[in-house]
Amino acid sequence: MSLTRTTTELATEVLRSLAILAADETIASADETYITGVYNDLWDDLEGDNLAYWDKTAVPKVVFLVVRDLVALHVMSAYGQPIAVEDKEARDRLLRVRLRKHTATQATGHDQDVQYF
């Protein structure tokens, strides 16, 4: 059982979430190329914000749905589902907050031994 999903699976699920692709259909290579390109650009941006901790080609299942929604948000207008800029920015911020929850270090509450030199 794999703990990651591929970019092809991501592109397919993006189109399914937008109701462009039915469950029994496969993604066209042009759509896969376009969506993967958008994902690669987003991944670079997320990495710059210290939000992408995974390899670009293997999306961890724990963040897969958030990443899928983020990519879908950025490609939806290309598939006939326009969105206002303000709404897009607000949803983008919300999805990044959800993603940040998986990258933030939480305090353990345990004492730490410190050595002074």
C-alpha atoms as a PDB file:
ATOM      1  CA  MET A   1       0.000   0.000   0.000  1.00  0.00           C
ATOM      2  CA  SER A   2       1.594   3.196  -1.202  1.00  0.00           C
ATOM      3  CA  LEU A   3       1.629   6.272   0.977  1.00  0.00           C
ATOM      4  CA  THR A   4       1.856   8.588  -2.023  1.00  0.00           C
ATOM      5  CA  ARG A   5      -0.060   9.352  -5.227  1.00  0.00           C
ATOM      6  CA  THR A   6       1.420  10.182  -8.628  1.00  0.00           C
ATOM      7  CA  THR A   7       0.976  13.363 -10.620  1.00  0.00           C
ATOM      8  CA  THR A   8      -1.133  11.418 -13.126  1.00  0.00           C
ATOM      9  CA  GLU A   9      -3.478  10.410 -10.304  1.00  0.00           C
ATOM     10  CA  LEU A  10      -3.503  14.018  -9.143  1.00  0.00           C
ATOM     11  CA  ALA A  11      -4.422  15.331 -12.592  1.00  0.00           C
ATOM     12  CA  THR A  12      -7.160  12.714 -12.937  1.00  0.00           C
ATOM     13  CA  GLU A  13      -8.631  13.530  -9.535  1.00  0.00           C
ATOM     14  CA  VAL A  14      -8.522  17.265 -10.283  1.00  0.00           C
ATOM     15  CA  LEU A  15     -10.731  16.741 -13.336  1.00  0.00           C
ATOM     16  CA  ARG A  16     -13.042  14.427 -11.393  1.00  0.00           C
ATOM     17  CA  SER A  17     -13.418  17.001  -8.625  1.00  0.00           C
ATOM     18  CA  LEU A  18     -14.426  19.567 -11.260  1.00  0.00           C
ATOM     19  CA  ALA A  19     -16.941  17.095 -12.747  1.00  0.00           C
ATOM     20  CA  ILE A  20     -15.092  17.160 -16.074  1.00  0.00           C
ATOM     21  CA  LEU A  21     -14.102  13.495 -15.982  1.00  0.00           C
ATOM     22  CA  ALA A  22     -16.389  10.615 -15.039  1.00  0.00           C
ATOM     23  CA  ALA A  23     -15.208   7.857 -12.713  1.00  0.00           C
ATOM     24  CA  ASP A  24     -14.790   5.378 -15.560  1.00  0.00           C
ATOM     25  CA  GLU A  25     -12.963   7.754 -17.922  1.00  0.00           C
ATOM     26  CA  THR A  26      -9.238   8.241 -18.312  1.00  0.00           C
ATOM     27  CA  ILE A  27      -7.496  11.572 -18.617  1.00  0.00           C
ATOM     28  CA  ALA A  28      -6.365  12.862 -22.005  1.00  0.00           C
ATOM     29  CA  SER A  29      -2.630  13.443 -22.331  1.00  0.00           C
ATOM     30  CA  ALA A  30      -3.119  17.158 -23.117  1.00  0.00           C
ATOM     31  CA  ASP A  31      -5.141  17.631 -19.929  1.00  0.00           C
ATOM     32  CA  GLU A  32      -2.586  15.692 -17.901  1.00  0.00           C
ATOM     33  CA  THR A  33       0.253  17.804 -19.293  1.00  0.00           C
ATOM     34  CA  TYR A  34      -1.578  21.054 -18.565  1.00  0.00           C
ATOM     35  CA  ILE A  35      -2.621  20.134 -15.023  1.00  0.00           C
ATOM     36  CA  THR A  36       0.784  18.678 -14.177  1.00  0.00           C
ATOM     37  CA  GLY A  37       2.398  21.907 -15.379  1.00  0.00           C
ATOM     38  CA  VAL A  38       0.140  23.961 -13.124  1.00  0.00           C
ATOM     39  CA  TYR A  39       0.900  21.587 -10.227  1.00  0.00           C
ATOM     40  CA  ASN A  40       4.664  21.914 -10.836  1.00  0.00           C
ATOM     41  CA  ASP A  41       4.399  25.709 -10.712  1.00  0.00           C
ATOM     42  CA  LEU A  42       2.315  25.531  -7.527  1.00  0.00           C
ATOM     43  CA  TRP A  43       4.753  23.047  -5.965  1.00  0.00           C
ATOM     44  CA  ASP A  44       7.635  25.461  -6.602  1.00  0.00           C
ATOM     45  CA  ASP A  45       5.618  28.221  -4.935  1.00  0.00           C
ATOM     46  CA  LEU A  46       4.704  25.976  -1.997  1.00  0.00           C
ATOM     47  CA  GLU A  47       8.318  24.916  -1.583  1.00  0.00           C
ATOM     48  CA  GLY A  48       9.335  28.575  -1.473  1.00  0.00           C
ATOM     49  CA  ASP A  49       6.852  29.043   1.382  1.00  0.00           C
ATOM     50  CA  ASN A  50       8.183  25.899   3.144  1.00  0.00           C
ATOM     51  CA  LEU A  51       4.881  24.098   2.593  1.00  0.00           C
ATOM     52  CA  ALA A  52       5.995  21.396   0.140  1.00  0.00           C
ATOM     53  CA  TYR A  53       8.015  18.811   2.026  1.00  0.00           C
ATOM     54  CA  TRP A  54       7.502  15.959  -0.459  1.00  0.00           C
ATOM     55  CA  ASP A  55       9.065  14.973  -3.753  1.00  0.00           C
ATOM     56  CA  LYS A  56       7.352  16.760  -6.637  1.00  0.00           C
ATOM     57  CA  THR A  57       6.339  13.495  -8.338  1.00  0.00           C
ATOM     58  CA  ALA A  58       4.906  11.750  -5.265  1.00  0.00           C
ATOM     59  CA  VAL A  59       2.174  13.570  -3.337  1.00  0.00           C
ATOM     60  CA  PRO A  60       1.660  12.141   0.190  1.00  0.00           C
ATOM     61  CA  LYS A  61      -1.850  10.825   0.751  1.00  0.00           C
ATOM     62  CA  VAL A  62      -2.160  12.880   3.926  1.00  0.00           C
ATOM     63  CA  VAL A  63      -2.101  16.118   1.899  1.00  0.00           C
ATOM     64  CA  PHE A  64      -3.395  14.776  -1.416  1.00  0.00           C
ATOM     65  CA  LEU A  65      -6.937  16.169  -1.139  1.00  0.00           C
ATOM     66  CA  VAL A  66      -5.693  19.622  -0.151  1.00  0.00           C
ATOM     67  CA  VAL A  67      -3.240  19.649  -3.052  1.00  0.00           C
ATOM     68  CA  ARG A  68      -5.959  18.381  -5.394  1.00  0.00           C
ATOM     69  CA  ASP A  69      -8.275  21.205  -4.328  1.00  0.00           C
ATOM     70  CA  LEU A  70      -5.488  23.766  -4.691  1.00  0.00           C
ATOM     71  CA  VAL A  71      -4.628  22.617  -8.215  1.00  0.00           C
ATOM     72  CA  ALA A  72      -8.327  22.438  -9.136  1.00  0.00           C
ATOM     73  CA  LEU A  73      -8.742  26.021  -7.952  1.00  0.00           C
ATOM     74  CA  HIS A  74      -5.983  27.150 -10.293  1.00  0.00           C
ATOM     75  CA  VAL A  75      -7.194  25.243 -13.378  1.00  0.00           C
ATOM     76  CA  MET A  76     -10.964  25.579 -13.058  1.00  0.00           C
ATOM     77  CA  SER A  77     -11.225  28.674 -15.234  1.00  0.00           C
ATOM     78  CA  ALA A  78      -9.474  26.829 -18.065  1.00  0.00           C
ATOM     79  CA  TYR A  79     -12.245  24.226 -17.886  1.00  0.00           C
ATOM     80  CA  GLY A  80     -15.150  26.644 -18.127  1.00  0.00           C
ATOM     81  CA  GLN A  81     -15.630  27.345 -14.424  1.00  0.00           C
ATOM     82  CA  PRO A  82     -14.550  30.957 -13.903  1.00  0.00           C
ATOM     83  CA  ILE A  83     -14.036  32.320 -10.422  1.00  0.00           C
ATOM     84  CA  ALA A  84     -13.696  35.894  -9.170  1.00  0.00           C
ATOM     85  CA  VAL A  85     -10.159  36.918  -8.244  1.00  0.00           C
ATOM     86  CA  GLU A  86     -11.148  37.743  -4.654  1.00  0.00           C
ATOM     87  CA  ASP A  87     -12.806  34.349  -4.207  1.00  0.00           C
ATOM     88  CA  LYS A  88      -9.828  32.562  -5.740  1.00  0.00           C
ATOM     89  CA  GLU A  89      -7.386  34.345  -3.444  1.00  0.00           C
ATOM     90  CA  ALA A  90      -9.525  33.631  -0.371  1.00  0.00           C
ATOM     91  CA  ARG A  91      -9.833  29.934  -1.216  1.00  0.00           C
ATOM     92  CA  ASP A  92      -6.107  29.754  -1.979  1.00  0.00           C
ATOM     93  CA  ARG A  93      -5.289  31.203   1.459  1.00  0.00           C
ATOM     94  CA  LEU A  94      -7.657  28.759   3.161  1.00  0.00           C
ATOM     95  CA  LEU A  95      -6.138  25.759   1.373  1.00  0.00           C
ATOM     96  CA  ARG A  96      -2.622  26.909   2.261  1.00  0.00           C
ATOM     97  CA  VAL A  97      -3.651  27.143   5.924  1.00  0.00           C
ATOM     98  CA  ARG A  98      -4.887  23.545   5.732  1.00  0.00           C
ATOM     99  CA  LEU A  99      -1.591  22.524   4.140  1.00  0.00           C
ATOM    100  CA  ARG A 100       0.433  24.432   6.725  1.00  0.00           C
ATOM    101  CA  LYS A 101      -1.140  22.283   9.464  1.00  0.00           C
ATOM    102  CA  HIS A 102       0.808  19.337   8.052  1.00  0.00           C
ATOM    103  CA  THR A 103       4.122  21.165   8.032  1.00  0.00           C
ATOM    104  CA  ALA A 104       4.027  23.135  11.269  1.00  0.00           C
ATOM    105  CA  THR A 105       6.033  21.780  14.174  1.00  0.00           C
ATOM    106  CA  GLN A 106       3.933  21.394  17.274  1.00  0.00           C
ATOM    107  CA  ALA A 107       5.277  21.837  20.791  1.00  0.00           C
ATOM    108  CA  THR A 108       5.626  18.524  22.623  1.00  0.00           C
ATOM    109  CA  GLY A 109       5.312  19.963  26.100  1.00  0.00           C
ATOM    110  CA  HIS A 110       8.294  17.913  27.280  1.00  0.00           C
ATOM    111  CA  ASP A 111      11.232  19.390  29.162  1.00  0.00           C
ATOM    112  CA  GLN A 112      14.491  19.593  27.263  1.00  0.00           C
ATOM    113  CA  ASP A 113      17.949  19.222  28.716  1.00  0.00           C
ATOM    114  CA  VAL A 114      20.144  22.145  27.776  1.00  0.00           C
ATOM    115  CA  GLN A 115      23.905  22.280  28.086  1.00  0.00           C
ATOM    116  CA  TYR A 116      25.620  25.632  28.340  1.00  0.00           C
ATOM    117  CA  PHE A 117      29.192  25.927  27.199  1.00  0.00           C
END
